[in-house]
Amino acid sequence: RGIRLLHNWQFTNLNQIQPQDKIIFFSYLVAFFACVLF
């Protein structure tokens, strides 16, 4: 669901979604996947 949300943000034209918000949310996904690998 997290990846799906990021995909929606990347490939839709919702003007209220700021690029900074996308990077922040992406960092949480990366951090958790990092924990899984760890």
Full PDB file with SEQRES, HELIX, SHEET, SSBOND, CRYST1, ORIGX, SCALE, CONECT and MASTER records, all heavy atoms in Angstrom:
SEQRES   1 A   38  ARG GLY ILE ARG LEU LEU HIS ASN TRP GLN PHE THR ASN          
SEQRES   2 A   38  LEU ASN GLN ILE GLN PRO GLN ASP LYS ILE ILE PHE PHE          
SEQRES   3 A   38  SER TYR LEU VAL ALA PHE PHE ALA CYS VAL LEU PHE              
HELIX    1 AA1 GLY A    2  GLN A   10  1                                   9    
HELIX    2 AA2 PRO A   19  LEU A   37  1                                  19    
CRYST1    1.000    1.000    1.000  90.00  90.00  90.00 P 1           1          
ORIGX1      1.000000  0.000000  0.000000        0.00000                         
ORIGX2      0.000000  1.000000  0.000000        0.00000                         
ORIGX3      0.000000  0.000000  1.000000        0.00000                         
SCALE1      1.000000  0.000000  0.000000        0.00000                         
SCALE2      0.000000  1.000000  0.000000        0.00000                         
SCALE3      0.000000  0.000000  1.000000        0.00000                         
ATOM      1  N   ARG A   1       0.826  -1.198   0.000  1.00  0.00           N  
ATOM      2  CA  ARG A   1       0.000   0.000   0.000  1.00  0.00           C  
ATOM      3  C   ARG A   1       0.871   1.263   0.000  1.00  0.00           C  
ATOM      4  O   ARG A   1       0.527   2.263  -0.630  1.00  0.00           O  
ATOM      5  CB  ARG A   1      -0.934  -0.002   1.215  1.00  0.00           C  
ATOM      6  CG  ARG A   1      -2.072  -1.000   1.091  1.00  0.00           C  
ATOM      7  CD  ARG A   1      -2.903  -1.057   2.369  1.00  0.00           C  
ATOM      8  NE  ARG A   1      -3.578   0.204   2.638  1.00  0.00           N  
ATOM      9  CZ  ARG A   1      -4.727   0.569   2.091  1.00  0.00           C  
ATOM     10  NH1 ARG A   1      -5.338  -0.219   1.228  1.00  0.00           N  
ATOM     11  NH2 ARG A   1      -5.286   1.729   2.405  1.00  0.00           N  
ATOM     12  N   GLY A   2       1.996   1.212   0.698  1.00  0.00           N  
ATOM     13  CA  GLY A   2       2.907   2.349   0.693  1.00  0.00           C  
ATOM     14  C   GLY A   2       3.495   2.597  -0.689  1.00  0.00           C  
ATOM     15  O   GLY A   2       3.550   3.739  -1.162  1.00  0.00           O  
ATOM     16  N   ILE A   3       3.917   1.527  -1.347  1.00  0.00           N  
ATOM     17  CA  ILE A   3       4.476   1.658  -2.698  1.00  0.00           C  
ATOM     18  C   ILE A   3       3.403   2.112  -3.680  1.00  0.00           C  
ATOM     19  O   ILE A   3       3.653   2.924  -4.580  1.00  0.00           O  
ATOM     20  CB  ILE A   3       5.095   0.317  -3.138  1.00  0.00           C  
ATOM     21  CG1 ILE A   3       6.308  -0.014  -2.257  1.00  0.00           C  
ATOM     22  CG2 ILE A   3       5.501   0.360  -4.608  1.00  0.00           C  
ATOM     23  CD1 ILE A   3       6.853  -1.402  -2.463  1.00  0.00           C  
ATOM     24  N   ARG A   4       2.202   1.612  -3.481  1.00  0.00           N  
ATOM     25  CA  ARG A   4       1.081   2.022  -4.336  1.00  0.00           C  
ATOM     26  C   ARG A   4       0.807   3.515  -4.191  1.00  0.00           C  
ATOM     27  O   ARG A   4       0.558   4.215  -5.188  1.00  0.00           O  
ATOM     28  CB  ARG A   4      -0.153   1.208  -3.961  1.00  0.00           C  
ATOM     29  CG  ARG A   4      -1.395   1.547  -4.784  1.00  0.00           C  
ATOM     30  CD  ARG A   4      -2.581   0.759  -4.257  1.00  0.00           C  
ATOM     31  NE  ARG A   4      -3.838   1.199  -4.855  1.00  0.00           N  
ATOM     32  CZ  ARG A   4      -5.033   0.805  -4.433  1.00  0.00           C  
ATOM     33  NH1 ARG A   4      -5.124  -0.026  -3.416  1.00  0.00           N  
ATOM     34  NH2 ARG A   4      -6.123   1.250  -5.024  1.00  0.00           N  
ATOM     35  N   LEU A   5       0.854   4.007  -2.969  1.00  0.00           N  
ATOM     36  CA  LEU A   5       0.639   5.440  -2.750  1.00  0.00           C  
ATOM     37  C   LEU A   5       1.728   6.259  -3.427  1.00  0.00           C  
ATOM     38  O   LEU A   5       1.436   7.258  -4.103  1.00  0.00           O  
ATOM     39  CB  LEU A   5       0.610   5.742  -1.250  1.00  0.00           C  
ATOM     40  CG  LEU A   5       0.519   7.228  -0.870  1.00  0.00           C  
ATOM     41  CD1 LEU A   5      -0.783   7.828  -1.398  1.00  0.00           C  
ATOM     42  CD2 LEU A   5       0.636   7.416   0.627  1.00  0.00           C  
ATOM     43  N   LEU A   6       2.979   5.846  -3.279  1.00  0.00           N  
ATOM     44  CA  LEU A   6       4.074   6.570  -3.912  1.00  0.00           C  
ATOM     45  C   LEU A   6       3.920   6.559  -5.425  1.00  0.00           C  
ATOM     46  O   LEU A   6       4.177   7.567  -6.093  1.00  0.00           O  
ATOM     47  CB  LEU A   6       5.409   5.941  -3.497  1.00  0.00           C  
ATOM     48  CG  LEU A   6       6.669   6.696  -3.928  1.00  0.00           C  
ATOM     49  CD1 LEU A   6       6.756   8.042  -3.208  1.00  0.00           C  
ATOM     50  CD2 LEU A   6       7.917   5.862  -3.634  1.00  0.00           C  
ATOM     51  N   HIS A   7       3.486   5.428  -5.959  1.00  0.00           N  
ATOM     52  CA  HIS A   7       3.246   5.332  -7.404  1.00  0.00           C  
ATOM     53  C   HIS A   7       2.153   6.305  -7.835  1.00  0.00           C  
ATOM     54  O   HIS A   7       2.271   6.990  -8.863  1.00  0.00           O  
ATOM     55  CB  HIS A   7       2.855   3.899  -7.758  1.00  0.00           C  
ATOM     56  CG  HIS A   7       2.531   3.703  -9.211  1.00  0.00           C  
ATOM     57  ND1 HIS A   7       1.254   3.887  -9.730  1.00  0.00           N  
ATOM     58  CD2 HIS A   7       3.323   3.335 -10.273  1.00  0.00           C  
ATOM     59  CE1 HIS A   7       1.281   3.652 -11.021  1.00  0.00           C  
ATOM     60  NE2 HIS A   7       2.504   3.315 -11.380  1.00  0.00           N  
ATOM     61  N   ASN A   8       1.074   6.379  -7.058  1.00  0.00           N  
ATOM     62  CA  ASN A   8      -0.007   7.309  -7.382  1.00  0.00           C  
ATOM     63  C   ASN A   8       0.481   8.753  -7.377  1.00  0.00           C  
ATOM     64  O   ASN A   8       0.105   9.561  -8.228  1.00  0.00           O  
ATOM     65  CB  ASN A   8      -1.159   7.155  -6.384  1.00  0.00           C  
ATOM     66  CG  ASN A   8      -1.912   5.854  -6.568  1.00  0.00           C  
ATOM     67  OD1 ASN A   8      -1.716   5.144  -7.560  1.00  0.00           O  
ATOM     68  ND2 ASN A   8      -2.761   5.518  -5.615  1.00  0.00           N  
ATOM     69  N   TRP A   9       1.311   9.072  -6.403  1.00  0.00           N  
ATOM     70  CA  TRP A   9       1.853  10.428  -6.311  1.00  0.00           C  
ATOM     71  C   TRP A   9       2.763  10.751  -7.491  1.00  0.00           C  
ATOM     72  O   TRP A   9       2.818  11.874  -7.967  1.00  0.00           O  
ATOM     73  CB  TRP A   9       2.623  10.597  -5.008  1.00  0.00           C  
ATOM     74  CG  TRP A   9       1.739  10.845  -3.821  1.00  0.00           C  
ATOM     75  CD1 TRP A   9       0.399  11.080  -3.827  1.00  0.00           C  
ATOM     76  CD2 TRP A   9       2.151  10.888  -2.454  1.00  0.00           C  
ATOM     77  NE1 TRP A   9      -0.058  11.260  -2.541  1.00  0.00           N  
ATOM     78  CE2 TRP A   9       0.989  11.154  -1.685  1.00  0.00           C  
ATOM     79  CE3 TRP A   9       3.371  10.729  -1.801  1.00  0.00           C  
ATOM     80  CZ2 TRP A   9       1.029  11.262  -0.299  1.00  0.00           C  
ATOM     81  CZ3 TRP A   9       3.411  10.833  -0.421  1.00  0.00           C  
ATOM     82  CH2 TRP A   9       2.247  11.100   0.318  1.00  0.00           C  
ATOM     83  N   GLN A  10       3.528   9.746  -7.927  1.00  0.00           N  
ATOM     84  CA  GLN A  10       4.480   9.968  -9.007  1.00  0.00           C  
ATOM     85  C   GLN A  10       3.789  10.136 -10.361  1.00  0.00           C  
ATOM     86  O   GLN A  10       4.264  10.885 -11.213  1.00  0.00           O  
ATOM     87  CB  GLN A  10       5.465   8.794  -9.089  1.00  0.00           C  
ATOM     88  CG  GLN A  10       6.504   8.785  -7.976  1.00  0.00           C  
ATOM     89  CD  GLN A  10       7.452   9.956  -8.087  1.00  0.00           C  
ATOM     90  OE1 GLN A  10       7.347  10.906  -7.326  1.00  0.00           O  
ATOM     91  NE2 GLN A  10       8.366   9.899  -9.026  1.00  0.00           N  
ATOM     92  N   PHE A  11       2.678   9.425 -10.567  1.00  0.00           N  
ATOM     93  CA  PHE A  11       2.100   9.363 -11.908  1.00  0.00           C  
ATOM     94  C   PHE A  11       0.687   9.951 -11.983  1.00  0.00           C  
ATOM     95  O   PHE A  11      -0.105   9.578 -12.838  1.00  0.00           O  
ATOM     96  CB  PHE A  11       2.081   7.907 -12.392  1.00  0.00           C  
ATOM     97  CG  PHE A  11       3.456   7.329 -12.513  1.00  0.00           C  
ATOM     98  CD1 PHE A  11       3.964   6.497 -11.520  1.00  0.00           C  
ATOM     99  CD2 PHE A  11       4.261   7.623 -13.597  1.00  0.00           C  
ATOM    100  CE1 PHE A  11       5.242   5.972 -11.620  1.00  0.00           C  
ATOM    101  CE2 PHE A  11       5.535   7.104 -13.701  1.00  0.00           C  
ATOM    102  CZ  PHE A  11       6.025   6.281 -12.718  1.00  0.00           C  
ATOM    103  N   THR A  12       0.388  10.854 -11.068  1.00  0.00           N  
ATOM    104  CA  THR A  12      -0.868  11.595 -11.151  1.00  0.00           C  
ATOM    105  C   THR A  12      -0.565  13.074 -11.134  1.00  0.00           C  
ATOM    106  O   THR A  12       0.540  13.495 -10.791  1.00  0.00           O  
ATOM    107  CB  THR A  12      -1.811  11.249  -9.980  1.00  0.00           C  
ATOM    108  OG1 THR A  12      -1.144  11.534  -8.744  1.00  0.00           O  
ATOM    109  CG2 THR A  12      -2.228   9.796 -10.013  1.00  0.00           C  
ATOM    110  N   ASN A  13      -1.540  13.872 -11.474  1.00  0.00           N  
ATOM    111  CA  ASN A  13      -1.350  15.326 -11.546  1.00  0.00           C  
ATOM    112  C   ASN A  13      -2.047  16.042 -10.387  1.00  0.00           C  
ATOM    113  O   ASN A  13      -2.742  17.033 -10.580  1.00  0.00           O  
ATOM    114  CB  ASN A  13      -1.881  15.864 -12.879  1.00  0.00           C  
ATOM    115  CG  ASN A  13      -1.084  15.345 -14.064  1.00  0.00           C  
ATOM    116  OD1 ASN A  13       0.141  15.283 -13.991  1.00  0.00           O  
ATOM    117  ND2 ASN A  13      -1.776  14.976 -15.122  1.00  0.00           N  
ATOM    118  N   LEU A  14      -1.880  15.494  -9.193  1.00  0.00           N  
ATOM    119  CA  LEU A  14      -2.477  16.140  -8.031  1.00  0.00           C  
ATOM    120  C   LEU A  14      -1.553  17.275  -7.600  1.00  0.00           C  
ATOM    121  O   LEU A  14      -0.487  17.063  -7.038  1.00  0.00           O  
ATOM    122  CB  LEU A  14      -2.650  15.128  -6.896  1.00  0.00           C  
ATOM    123  CG  LEU A  14      -3.561  13.922  -7.214  1.00  0.00           C  
ATOM    124  CD1 LEU A  14      -3.594  12.964  -6.040  1.00  0.00           C  
ATOM    125  CD2 LEU A  14      -4.946  14.389  -7.582  1.00  0.00           C  
ATOM    126  N   ASN A  15      -1.973  18.494  -7.848  1.00  0.00           N  
ATOM    127  CA  ASN A  15      -1.097  19.641  -7.602  1.00  0.00           C  
ATOM    128  C   ASN A  15      -0.772  19.851  -6.134  1.00  0.00           C  
ATOM    129  O   ASN A  15       0.257  20.421  -5.800  1.00  0.00           O  
ATOM    130  CB  ASN A  15      -1.751  20.913  -8.168  1.00  0.00           C  
ATOM    131  CG  ASN A  15      -1.881  20.864  -9.677  1.00  0.00           C  
ATOM    132  OD1 ASN A  15      -1.026  20.287 -10.350  1.00  0.00           O  
ATOM    133  ND2 ASN A  15      -2.943  21.455 -10.203  1.00  0.00           N  
ATOM    134  N   GLN A  16      -1.654  19.377  -5.239  1.00  0.00           N  
ATOM    135  CA  GLN A  16      -1.415  19.629  -3.833  1.00  0.00           C  
ATOM    136  C   GLN A  16      -0.346  18.710  -3.241  1.00  0.00           C  
ATOM    137  O   GLN A  16       0.084  18.903  -2.112  1.00  0.00           O  
ATOM    138  CB  GLN A  16      -2.712  19.481  -3.017  1.00  0.00           C  
ATOM    139  CG  GLN A  16      -3.246  18.060  -2.880  1.00  0.00           C  
ATOM    140  CD  GLN A  16      -4.160  17.680  -4.023  1.00  0.00           C  
ATOM    141  OE1 GLN A  16      -4.034  18.208  -5.122  1.00  0.00           O  
ATOM    142  NE2 GLN A  16      -5.079  16.781  -3.780  1.00  0.00           N  
ATOM    143  N   ILE A  17       0.089  17.687  -3.975  1.00  0.00           N  
ATOM    144  CA  ILE A  17       1.142  16.805  -3.493  1.00  0.00           C  
ATOM    145  C   ILE A  17       2.492  17.427  -3.825  1.00  0.00           C  
ATOM    146  O   ILE A  17       2.887  17.526  -4.993  1.00  0.00           O  
ATOM    147  CB  ILE A  17       1.026  15.411  -4.135  1.00  0.00           C  
ATOM    148  CG1 ILE A  17      -0.366  14.831  -3.879  1.00  0.00           C  
ATOM    149  CG2 ILE A  17       2.101  14.492  -3.580  1.00  0.00           C  
ATOM    150  CD1 ILE A  17      -0.715  14.688  -2.420  1.00  0.00           C  
ATOM    151  N   GLN A  18       3.201  17.869  -2.808  1.00  0.00           N  
ATOM    152  CA  GLN A  18       4.473  18.546  -2.999  1.00  0.00           C  
ATOM    153  C   GLN A  18       5.598  17.537  -3.284  1.00  0.00           C  
ATOM    154  O   GLN A  18       5.595  16.429  -2.734  1.00  0.00           O  
ATOM    155  CB  GLN A  18       4.823  19.363  -1.754  1.00  0.00           C  
ATOM    156  CG  GLN A  18       3.775  20.403  -1.387  1.00  0.00           C  
ATOM    157  CD  GLN A  18       3.654  21.468  -2.454  1.00  0.00           C  
ATOM    158  OE1 GLN A  18       4.653  21.877  -3.039  1.00  0.00           O  
ATOM    159  NE2 GLN A  18       2.439  21.925  -2.714  1.00  0.00           N  
ATOM    160  N   PRO A  19       6.570  17.889  -4.115  1.00  0.00           N  
ATOM    161  CA  PRO A  19       7.710  16.996  -4.364  1.00  0.00           C  
ATOM    162  C   PRO A  19       8.443  16.625  -3.079  1.00  0.00           C  
ATOM    163  O   PRO A  19       8.935  15.507  -2.935  1.00  0.00           O  
ATOM    164  CB  PRO A  19       8.599  17.821  -5.303  1.00  0.00           C  
ATOM    165  CG  PRO A  19       7.671  18.793  -5.954  1.00  0.00           C  
ATOM    166  CD  PRO A  19       6.628  19.120  -4.938  1.00  0.00           C  
ATOM    167  N   GLN A  20       8.513  17.572  -2.128  1.00  0.00           N  
ATOM    168  CA  GLN A  20       9.183  17.296  -0.869  1.00  0.00           C  
ATOM    169  C   GLN A  20       8.476  16.189  -0.091  1.00  0.00           C  
ATOM    170  O   GLN A  20       9.119  15.361   0.567  1.00  0.00           O  
ATOM    171  CB  GLN A  20       9.254  18.568  -0.014  1.00  0.00           C  
ATOM    172  CG  GLN A  20      10.112  19.668  -0.600  1.00  0.00           C  
ATOM    173  CD  GLN A  20       9.349  20.526  -1.598  1.00  0.00           C  
ATOM    174  OE1 GLN A  20       8.213  20.229  -1.945  1.00  0.00           O  
ATOM    175  NE2 GLN A  20       9.982  21.598  -2.068  1.00  0.00           N  
ATOM    176  N   ASP A  21       7.135  16.167  -0.166  1.00  0.00           N  
ATOM    177  CA  ASP A  21       6.379  15.125   0.523  1.00  0.00           C  
ATOM    178  C   ASP A  21       6.696  13.749  -0.055  1.00  0.00           C  
ATOM    179  O   ASP A  21       6.777  12.756   0.675  1.00  0.00           O  
ATOM    180  CB  ASP A  21       4.880  15.396   0.400  1.00  0.00           C  
ATOM    181  CG  ASP A  21       4.438  16.619   1.193  1.00  0.00           C  
ATOM    182  OD1 ASP A  21       5.205  17.050   2.077  1.00  0.00           O  
ATOM    183  OD2 ASP A  21       3.353  17.151   0.921  1.00  0.00           O  
ATOM    184  N   LYS A  22       6.869  13.693  -1.362  1.00  0.00           N  
ATOM    185  CA  LYS A  22       7.183  12.419  -2.010  1.00  0.00           C  
ATOM    186  C   LYS A  22       8.535  11.890  -1.536  1.00  0.00           C  
ATOM    187  O   LYS A  22       8.680  10.694  -1.251  1.00  0.00           O  
ATOM    188  CB  LYS A  22       7.193  12.598  -3.528  1.00  0.00           C  
ATOM    189  CG  LYS A  22       5.869  13.057  -4.123  1.00  0.00           C  
ATOM    190  CD  LYS A  22       6.013  13.287  -5.624  1.00  0.00           C  
ATOM    191  CE  LYS A  22       4.749  13.891  -6.216  1.00  0.00           C  
ATOM    192  NZ  LYS A  22       4.891  14.153  -7.664  1.00  0.00           N  
ATOM    193  N   ILE A  23       9.525  12.770  -1.452  1.00  0.00           N  
ATOM    194  CA  ILE A  23      10.858  12.347  -1.019  1.00  0.00           C  
ATOM    195  C   ILE A  23      10.831  11.872   0.432  1.00  0.00           C  
ATOM    196  O   ILE A  23      11.445  10.858   0.792  1.00  0.00           O  
ATOM    197  CB  ILE A  23      11.871  13.499  -1.192  1.00  0.00           C  
ATOM    198  CG1 ILE A  23      12.011  13.860  -2.673  1.00  0.00           C  
ATOM    199  CG2 ILE A  23      13.225  13.124  -0.599  1.00  0.00           C  
ATOM    200  CD1 ILE A  23      12.901  15.051  -2.928  1.00  0.00           C  
ATOM    201  N   ILE A  24      10.106  12.602   1.283  1.00  0.00           N  
ATOM    202  CA  ILE A  24      10.013  12.212   2.684  1.00  0.00           C  
ATOM    203  C   ILE A  24       9.377  10.833   2.820  1.00  0.00           C  
ATOM    204  O   ILE A  24       9.884   9.953   3.533  1.00  0.00           O  
ATOM    205  CB  ILE A  24       9.205  13.256   3.490  1.00  0.00           C  
ATOM    206  CG1 ILE A  24       9.973  14.583   3.566  1.00  0.00           C  
ATOM    207  CG2 ILE A  24       8.904  12.739   4.894  1.00  0.00           C  
ATOM    208  CD1 ILE A  24      11.245  14.519   4.364  1.00  0.00           C  
ATOM    209  N   PHE A  25       8.254  10.625   2.125  1.00  0.00           N  
ATOM    210  CA  PHE A  25       7.588   9.326   2.207  1.00  0.00           C  
ATOM    211  C   PHE A  25       8.478   8.227   1.638  1.00  0.00           C  
ATOM    212  O   PHE A  25       8.541   7.121   2.188  1.00  0.00           O  
ATOM    213  CB  PHE A  25       6.256   9.375   1.456  1.00  0.00           C  
ATOM    214  CG  PHE A  25       5.408   8.149   1.654  1.00  0.00           C  
ATOM    215  CD1 PHE A  25       4.770   7.920   2.865  1.00  0.00           C  
ATOM    216  CD2 PHE A  25       5.243   7.227   0.635  1.00  0.00           C  
ATOM    217  CE1 PHE A  25       3.988   6.790   3.058  1.00  0.00           C  
ATOM    218  CE2 PHE A  25       4.469   6.097   0.818  1.00  0.00           C  
ATOM    219  CZ  PHE A  25       3.840   5.873   2.031  1.00  0.00           C  
ATOM    220  N   PHE A  26       9.164   8.529   0.553  1.00  0.00           N  
ATOM    221  CA  PHE A  26      10.103   7.560  -0.033  1.00  0.00           C  
ATOM    222  C   PHE A  26      11.192   7.186   0.971  1.00  0.00           C  
ATOM    223  O   PHE A  26      11.585   6.021   1.062  1.00  0.00           O  
ATOM    224  CB  PHE A  26      10.721   8.154  -1.299  1.00  0.00           C  
ATOM    225  CG  PHE A  26      11.718   7.257  -1.972  1.00  0.00           C  
ATOM    226  CD1 PHE A  26      11.303   6.149  -2.684  1.00  0.00           C  
ATOM    227  CD2 PHE A  26      13.077   7.528  -1.891  1.00  0.00           C  
ATOM    228  CE1 PHE A  26      12.228   5.314  -3.317  1.00  0.00           C  
ATOM    229  CE2 PHE A  26      14.006   6.705  -2.515  1.00  0.00           C  
ATOM    230  CZ  PHE A  26      13.581   5.596  -3.225  1.00  0.00           C  
ATOM    231  N   SER A  27      11.673   8.164   1.752  1.00  0.00           N  
ATOM    232  CA  SER A  27      12.728   7.886   2.728  1.00  0.00           C  
ATOM    233  C   SER A  27      12.247   6.914   3.804  1.00  0.00           C  
ATOM    234  O   SER A  27      13.024   6.086   4.289  1.00  0.00           O  
ATOM    235  CB  SER A  27      13.225   9.185   3.368  1.00  0.00           C  
ATOM    236  OG  SER A  27      12.266   9.733   4.259  1.00  0.00           O  
ATOM    237  N   TYR A  28      10.966   6.989   4.161  1.00  0.00           N  
ATOM    238  CA  TYR A  28      10.421   6.048   5.149  1.00  0.00           C  
ATOM    239  C   TYR A  28      10.353   4.635   4.577  1.00  0.00           C  
ATOM    240  O   TYR A  28      10.646   3.655   5.274  1.00  0.00           O  
ATOM    241  CB  TYR A  28       9.046   6.509   5.628  1.00  0.00           C  
ATOM    242  CG  TYR A  28       9.126   7.510   6.745  1.00  0.00           C  
ATOM    243  CD1 TYR A  28       9.480   8.840   6.493  1.00  0.00           C  
ATOM    244  CD2 TYR A  28       8.881   7.150   8.063  1.00  0.00           C  
ATOM    245  CE1 TYR A  28       9.575   9.772   7.512  1.00  0.00           C  
ATOM    246  CE2 TYR A  28       8.976   8.075   9.099  1.00  0.00           C  
ATOM    247  CZ  TYR A  28       9.324   9.381   8.815  1.00  0.00           C  
ATOM    248  OH  TYR A  28       9.430  10.300   9.836  1.00  0.00           O  
ATOM    249  N   LEU A  29       9.963   4.522   3.319  1.00  0.00           N  
ATOM    250  CA  LEU A  29       9.966   3.210   2.678  1.00  0.00           C  
ATOM    251  C   LEU A  29      11.379   2.641   2.610  1.00  0.00           C  
ATOM    252  O   LEU A  29      11.602   1.463   2.919  1.00  0.00           O  
ATOM    253  CB  LEU A  29       9.368   3.316   1.278  1.00  0.00           C  
ATOM    254  CG  LEU A  29       7.849   3.500   1.193  1.00  0.00           C  
ATOM    255  CD1 LEU A  29       7.439   3.804  -0.247  1.00  0.00           C  
ATOM    256  CD2 LEU A  29       7.120   2.267   1.695  1.00  0.00           C  
ATOM    257  N   VAL A  30      12.338   3.473   2.221  1.00  0.00           N  
ATOM    258  CA  VAL A  30      13.727   3.015   2.138  1.00  0.00           C  
ATOM    259  C   VAL A  30      14.237   2.611   3.515  1.00  0.00           C  
ATOM    260  O   VAL A  30      14.909   1.577   3.669  1.00  0.00           O  
ATOM    261  CB  VAL A  30      14.625   4.117   1.531  1.00  0.00           C  
ATOM    262  CG1 VAL A  30      16.095   3.716   1.605  1.00  0.00           C  
ATOM    263  CG2 VAL A  30      14.234   4.388   0.089  1.00  0.00           C  
ATOM    264  N   ALA A  31      13.920   3.414   4.531  1.00  0.00           N  
ATOM    265  CA  ALA A  31      14.384   3.112   5.890  1.00  0.00           C  
ATOM    266  C   ALA A  31      13.822   1.788   6.381  1.00  0.00           C  
ATOM    267  O   ALA A  31      14.540   0.988   7.004  1.00  0.00           O  
ATOM    268  CB  ALA A  31      13.998   4.239   6.844  1.00  0.00           C  
ATOM    269  N   PHE A  32      12.540   1.530   6.105  1.00  0.00           N  
ATOM    270  CA  PHE A  32      11.973   0.267   6.592  1.00  0.00           C  
ATOM    271  C   PHE A  32      12.534  -0.920   5.809  1.00  0.00           C  
ATOM    272  O   PHE A  32      12.834  -1.963   6.396  1.00  0.00           O  
ATOM    273  CB  PHE A  32      10.450   0.274   6.502  1.00  0.00           C  
ATOM    274  CG  PHE A  32       9.844  -0.943   7.156  1.00  0.00           C  
ATOM    275  CD1 PHE A  32       9.702  -0.999   8.534  1.00  0.00           C  
ATOM    276  CD2 PHE A  32       9.460  -2.044   6.408  1.00  0.00           C  
ATOM    277  CE1 PHE A  32       9.188  -2.123   9.161  1.00  0.00           C  
ATOM    278  CE2 PHE A  32       8.940  -3.174   7.011  1.00  0.00           C  
ATOM    279  CZ  PHE A  32       8.804  -3.211   8.391  1.00  0.00           C  
ATOM    280  N   PHE A  33      12.669  -0.781   4.492  1.00  0.00           N  
ATOM    281  CA  PHE A  33      13.285  -1.861   3.721  1.00  0.00           C  
ATOM    282  C   PHE A  33      14.721  -2.109   4.198  1.00  0.00           C  
ATOM    283  O   PHE A  33      15.198  -3.249   4.208  1.00  0.00           O  
ATOM    284  CB  PHE A  33      13.265  -1.540   2.229  1.00  0.00           C  
ATOM    285  CG  PHE A  33      11.992  -1.926   1.536  1.00  0.00           C  
ATOM    286  CD1 PHE A  33      11.107  -0.962   1.093  1.00  0.00           C  
ATOM    287  CD2 PHE A  33      11.675  -3.256   1.336  1.00  0.00           C  
ATOM    288  CE1 PHE A  33       9.926  -1.310   0.461  1.00  0.00           C  
ATOM    289  CE2 PHE A  33      10.495  -3.626   0.701  1.00  0.00           C  
ATOM    290  CZ  PHE A  33       9.607  -2.651   0.265  1.00  0.00           C  
ATOM    291  N   ALA A  34      15.411  -1.038   4.595  1.00  0.00           N  
ATOM    292  CA  ALA A  34      16.757  -1.189   5.151  1.00  0.00           C  
ATOM    293  C   ALA A  34      16.721  -2.013   6.433  1.00  0.00           C  
ATOM    294  O   ALA A  34      17.601  -2.857   6.664  1.00  0.00           O  
ATOM    295  CB  ALA A  34      17.367   0.187   5.413  1.00  0.00           C  
ATOM    296  N   CYS A  35      15.700  -1.779   7.260  1.00  0.00           N  
ATOM    297  CA  CYS A  35      15.553  -2.567   8.492  1.00  0.00           C  
ATOM    298  C   CYS A  35      15.290  -4.034   8.177  1.00  0.00           C  
ATOM    299  O   CYS A  35      15.801  -4.929   8.866  1.00  0.00           O  
ATOM    300  CB  CYS A  35      14.417  -2.001   9.346  1.00  0.00           C  
ATOM    301  SG  CYS A  35      14.733  -0.369  10.030  1.00  0.00           S  
ATOM    302  N   VAL A  36      14.502  -4.284   7.141  1.00  0.00           N  
ATOM    303  CA  VAL A  36      14.244  -5.664   6.732  1.00  0.00           C  
ATOM    304  C   VAL A  36      15.549  -6.338   6.317  1.00  0.00           C  
ATOM    305  O   VAL A  36      15.855  -7.468   6.741  1.00  0.00           O  
ATOM    306  CB  VAL A  36      13.220  -5.712   5.574  1.00  0.00           C  
ATOM    307  CG1 VAL A  36      13.099  -7.125   5.018  1.00  0.00           C  
ATOM    308  CG2 VAL A  36      11.856  -5.220   6.067  1.00  0.00           C  
ATOM    309  N   LEU A  37      16.352  -5.652   5.487  1.00  0.00           N  
ATOM    310  CA  LEU A  37      17.633  -6.204   5.068  1.00  0.00           C  
ATOM    311  C   LEU A  37      18.562  -6.418   6.263  1.00  0.00           C  
ATOM    312  O   LEU A  37      19.257  -7.438   6.352  1.00  0.00           O  
ATOM    313  CB  LEU A  37      18.302  -5.277   4.054  1.00  0.00           C  
ATOM    314  CG  LEU A  37      17.682  -5.238   2.654  1.00  0.00           C  
ATOM    315  CD1 LEU A  37      18.391  -4.194   1.794  1.00  0.00           C  
ATOM    316  CD2 LEU A  37      17.780  -6.609   1.993  1.00  0.00           C  
ATOM    317  N   PHE A  38      18.572  -5.458   7.179  1.00  0.00           N  
ATOM    318  CA  PHE A  38      19.432  -5.566   8.349  1.00  0.00           C  
ATOM    319  C   PHE A  38      19.077  -6.809   9.165  1.00  0.00           C  
ATOM    320  O   PHE A  38      19.958  -7.479   9.712  1.00  0.00           O  
ATOM    321  CB  PHE A  38      19.290  -4.313   9.215  1.00  0.00           C  
ATOM    322  CG  PHE A  38      20.344  -4.176  10.272  1.00  0.00           C  
ATOM    323  CD1 PHE A  38      21.549  -3.552   9.990  1.00  0.00           C  
ATOM    324  CD2 PHE A  38      20.142  -4.673  11.549  1.00  0.00           C  
ATOM    325  CE1 PHE A  38      22.531  -3.438  10.955  1.00  0.00           C  
ATOM    326  CE2 PHE A  38      21.117  -4.554  12.525  1.00  0.00           C  
ATOM    327  CZ  PHE A  38      22.320  -3.930  12.235  1.00  0.00           C  
TER     328      PHE A  38                                                      
MASTER        0    0    0    2    0    0    0    6  327    1    0    3          
END                                                                             
